[in-house]
Amino acid sequence: MAVSNFMQEANDIAARLRPGSQPARSTLRRQKAAVASSLQLQVLEYMRTFLAENDQLPPVHNVAVRFGLALSSADWHIRTLVRLGFLERNAVGKLRFPRGKGGAA
């Protein structure tokens, strides 16, 4: 029996022995992070509109002001959109819409 199979079996047994056990927090975080929040979708729509009007994506400061967020919160939402694949960074680190997923059509 491989070590990873042994560990998986041990974890399964331990989970069955714990009454009312819940999935690990990291698993819950991954499940929640698979979908963008409504605010993140609003940020994404704002970025599309800004791109159509200005031919560039808005700076983080503009996103923060538009939604009444702290700079760090606006940056976190944008990084989450990157992680979820709604945005990407080009070779020099600038944000852009992924090819084929539509920015300004």
C-alpha atoms as a PDB file:
ATOM      1  CA  MET A   1       0.000   0.000   0.000  1.00  0.00           C
ATOM      2  CA  ALA A   2       1.392   3.401  -0.985  1.00  0.00           C
ATOM      3  CA  VAL A   3       1.947   6.023   1.680  1.00  0.00           C
ATOM      4  CA  SER A   4      -0.605   8.433   0.164  1.00  0.00           C
ATOM      5  CA  ASN A   5      -3.280   5.710   0.112  1.00  0.00           C
ATOM      6  CA  PHE A   6      -2.505   4.914   3.750  1.00  0.00           C
ATOM      7  CA  MET A   7      -2.830   8.573   4.716  1.00  0.00           C
ATOM      8  CA  GLN A   8      -6.090   8.957   2.802  1.00  0.00           C
ATOM      9  CA  GLU A   9      -7.490   5.849   4.481  1.00  0.00           C
ATOM     10  CA  ALA A  10      -6.387   7.107   7.910  1.00  0.00           C
ATOM     11  CA  ASN A  11      -8.027  10.492   7.257  1.00  0.00           C
ATOM     12  CA  ASP A  12     -11.253   8.792   6.142  1.00  0.00           C
ATOM     13  CA  ILE A  13     -11.356   6.662   9.296  1.00  0.00           C
ATOM     14  CA  ALA A  14     -10.668   9.681  11.506  1.00  0.00           C
ATOM     15  CA  ALA A  15     -13.429  11.642   9.774  1.00  0.00           C
ATOM     16  CA  ARG A  16     -15.927   8.828  10.374  1.00  0.00           C
ATOM     17  CA  LEU A  17     -14.966   8.638  14.045  1.00  0.00           C
ATOM     18  CA  ARG A  18     -15.502  12.358  14.652  1.00  0.00           C
ATOM     19  CA  PRO A  19     -19.197  12.992  15.189  1.00  0.00           C
ATOM     20  CA  GLY A  20     -20.545  15.910  13.160  1.00  0.00           C
ATOM     21  CA  SER A  21     -17.205  16.582  11.533  1.00  0.00           C
ATOM     22  CA  GLN A  22     -17.069  19.154   8.770  1.00  0.00           C
ATOM     23  CA  PRO A  23     -14.682  19.482   5.828  1.00  0.00           C
ATOM     24  CA  ALA A  24     -11.400  21.201   6.517  1.00  0.00           C
ATOM     25  CA  ARG A  25     -11.441  25.004   6.315  1.00  0.00           C
ATOM     26  CA  SER A  26      -9.141  24.972   3.305  1.00  0.00           C
ATOM     27  CA  THR A  27     -11.671  22.810   1.456  1.00  0.00           C
ATOM     28  CA  LEU A  28     -14.488  25.209   2.341  1.00  0.00           C
ATOM     29  CA  ARG A  29     -12.381  28.162   1.205  1.00  0.00           C
ATOM     30  CA  ARG A  30     -11.697  26.476  -2.130  1.00  0.00           C
ATOM     31  CA  GLN A  31     -15.379  25.748  -2.638  1.00  0.00           C
ATOM     32  CA  LYS A  32     -16.383  29.344  -1.867  1.00  0.00           C
ATOM     33  CA  ALA A  33     -13.641  30.807  -4.032  1.00  0.00           C
ATOM     34  CA  ALA A  34     -14.771  28.925  -7.136  1.00  0.00           C
ATOM     35  CA  VAL A  35     -17.409  31.601  -7.849  1.00  0.00           C
ATOM     36  CA  ALA A  36     -16.987  35.363  -7.936  1.00  0.00           C
ATOM     37  CA  SER A  37     -19.060  37.388  -5.486  1.00  0.00           C
ATOM     38  CA  SER A  38     -21.660  39.860  -6.694  1.00  0.00           C
ATOM     39  CA  LEU A  39     -19.330  42.752  -5.827  1.00  0.00           C
ATOM     40  CA  GLN A  40     -16.530  41.162  -7.846  1.00  0.00           C
ATOM     41  CA  LEU A  41     -18.884  40.783 -10.803  1.00  0.00           C
ATOM     42  CA  GLN A  42     -19.836  44.473 -10.424  1.00  0.00           C
ATOM     43  CA  VAL A  43     -16.130  45.370 -10.395  1.00  0.00           C
ATOM     44  CA  LEU A  44     -15.658  43.302 -13.546  1.00  0.00           C
ATOM     45  CA  GLU A  45     -18.561  45.062 -15.284  1.00  0.00           C
ATOM     46  CA  TYR A  46     -17.152  48.449 -14.226  1.00  0.00           C
ATOM     47  CA  MET A  47     -13.792  47.448 -15.682  1.00  0.00           C
ATOM     48  CA  ARG A  48     -15.449  46.497 -18.996  1.00  0.00           C
ATOM     49  CA  THR A  49     -17.298  49.820 -19.145  1.00  0.00           C
ATOM     50  CA  PHE A  50     -14.157  51.776 -18.221  1.00  0.00           C
ATOM     51  CA  LEU A  51     -12.190  49.929 -20.915  1.00  0.00           C
ATOM     52  CA  ALA A  52     -14.808  50.728 -23.545  1.00  0.00           C
ATOM     53  CA  GLU A  53     -14.755  54.432 -22.626  1.00  0.00           C
ATOM     54  CA  ASN A  54     -11.033  54.934 -21.961  1.00  0.00           C
ATOM     55  CA  ASP A  55      -9.248  52.206 -23.957  1.00  0.00           C
ATOM     56  CA  GLN A  56      -7.534  50.962 -20.792  1.00  0.00           C
ATOM     57  CA  LEU A  57      -8.501  49.237 -17.577  1.00  0.00           C
ATOM     58  CA  PRO A  58      -9.066  51.431 -14.522  1.00  0.00           C
ATOM     59  CA  PRO A  59      -6.379  51.839 -11.872  1.00  0.00           C
ATOM     60  CA  VAL A  60      -7.064  50.210  -8.517  1.00  0.00           C
ATOM     61  CA  HIS A  61      -7.681  53.662  -7.048  1.00  0.00           C
ATOM     62  CA  ASN A  62     -10.607  54.235  -9.434  1.00  0.00           C
ATOM     63  CA  VAL A  63     -12.131  50.884  -8.482  1.00  0.00           C
ATOM     64  CA  ALA A  64     -11.745  51.726  -4.785  1.00  0.00           C
ATOM     65  CA  VAL A  65     -13.392  55.137  -5.193  1.00  0.00           C
ATOM     66  CA  ARG A  66     -16.208  53.814  -7.399  1.00  0.00           C
ATOM     67  CA  PHE A  67     -17.201  51.111  -4.878  1.00  0.00           C
ATOM     68  CA  GLY A  68     -16.250  52.913  -1.647  1.00  0.00           C
ATOM     69  CA  LEU A  69     -13.510  50.423  -0.772  1.00  0.00           C
ATOM     70  CA  ALA A  70     -10.087  50.725   0.759  1.00  0.00           C
ATOM     71  CA  LEU A  71      -7.264  50.351  -1.781  1.00  0.00           C
ATOM     72  CA  SER A  72      -6.294  47.006  -0.285  1.00  0.00           C
ATOM     73  CA  SER A  73      -9.863  45.712  -0.587  1.00  0.00           C
ATOM     74  CA  ALA A  74     -10.154  46.826  -4.206  1.00  0.00           C
ATOM     75  CA  ASP A  75      -6.812  45.184  -4.945  1.00  0.00           C
ATOM     76  CA  TRP A  76      -7.968  41.975  -3.241  1.00  0.00           C
ATOM     77  CA  HIS A  77     -11.118  41.838  -5.384  1.00  0.00           C
ATOM     78  CA  ILE A  78      -9.079  42.403  -8.544  1.00  0.00           C
ATOM     79  CA  ARG A  79      -6.553  39.709  -7.559  1.00  0.00           C
ATOM     80  CA  THR A  80      -9.466  37.356  -6.914  1.00  0.00           C
ATOM     81  CA  LEU A  81     -10.801  38.050 -10.409  1.00  0.00           C
ATOM     82  CA  VAL A  82      -7.346  37.213 -11.772  1.00  0.00           C
ATOM     83  CA  ARG A  83      -7.219  33.991  -9.757  1.00  0.00           C
ATOM     84  CA  LEU A  84     -10.677  32.982 -10.993  1.00  0.00           C
ATOM     85  CA  GLY A  85      -9.673  33.635 -14.600  1.00  0.00           C
ATOM     86  CA  PHE A  86     -11.862  36.673 -15.311  1.00  0.00           C
ATOM     87  CA  LEU A  87      -8.736  38.822 -15.736  1.00  0.00           C
ATOM     88  CA  GLU A  88      -5.099  38.058 -16.475  1.00  0.00           C
ATOM     89  CA  ARG A  89      -1.787  39.840 -16.476  1.00  0.00           C
ATOM     90  CA  ASN A  90       0.237  40.375 -19.628  1.00  0.00           C
ATOM     91  CA  ALA A  91       4.002  39.911 -19.943  1.00  0.00           C
ATOM     92  CA  VAL A  92       4.752  43.216 -18.189  1.00  0.00           C
ATOM     93  CA  GLY A  93       2.195  42.697 -15.417  1.00  0.00           C
ATOM     94  CA  LYS A  94      -0.621  44.896 -16.711  1.00  0.00           C
ATOM     95  CA  LEU A  95      -4.168  43.622 -16.274  1.00  0.00           C
ATOM     96  CA  ARG A  96      -6.185  42.582 -19.307  1.00  0.00           C
ATOM     97  CA  PHE A  97      -9.196  40.501 -20.159  1.00  0.00           C
ATOM     98  CA  PRO A  98      -8.290  36.948 -21.150  1.00  0.00           C
ATOM     99  CA  ARG A  99      -8.290  36.323 -24.888  1.00  0.00           C
ATOM    100  CA  GLY A 100     -11.638  35.010 -26.075  1.00  0.00           C
ATOM    101  CA  LYS A 101     -13.553  35.873 -22.858  1.00  0.00           C
ATOM    102  CA  GLY A 102     -14.499  39.358 -23.954  1.00  0.00           C
ATOM    103  CA  GLY A 103     -13.496  42.699 -22.693  1.00  0.00           C
ATOM    104  CA  ALA A 104     -14.585  45.412 -25.015  1.00  0.00           C
ATOM    105  CA  ALA A 105     -16.163  43.631 -27.935  1.00  0.00           C
END
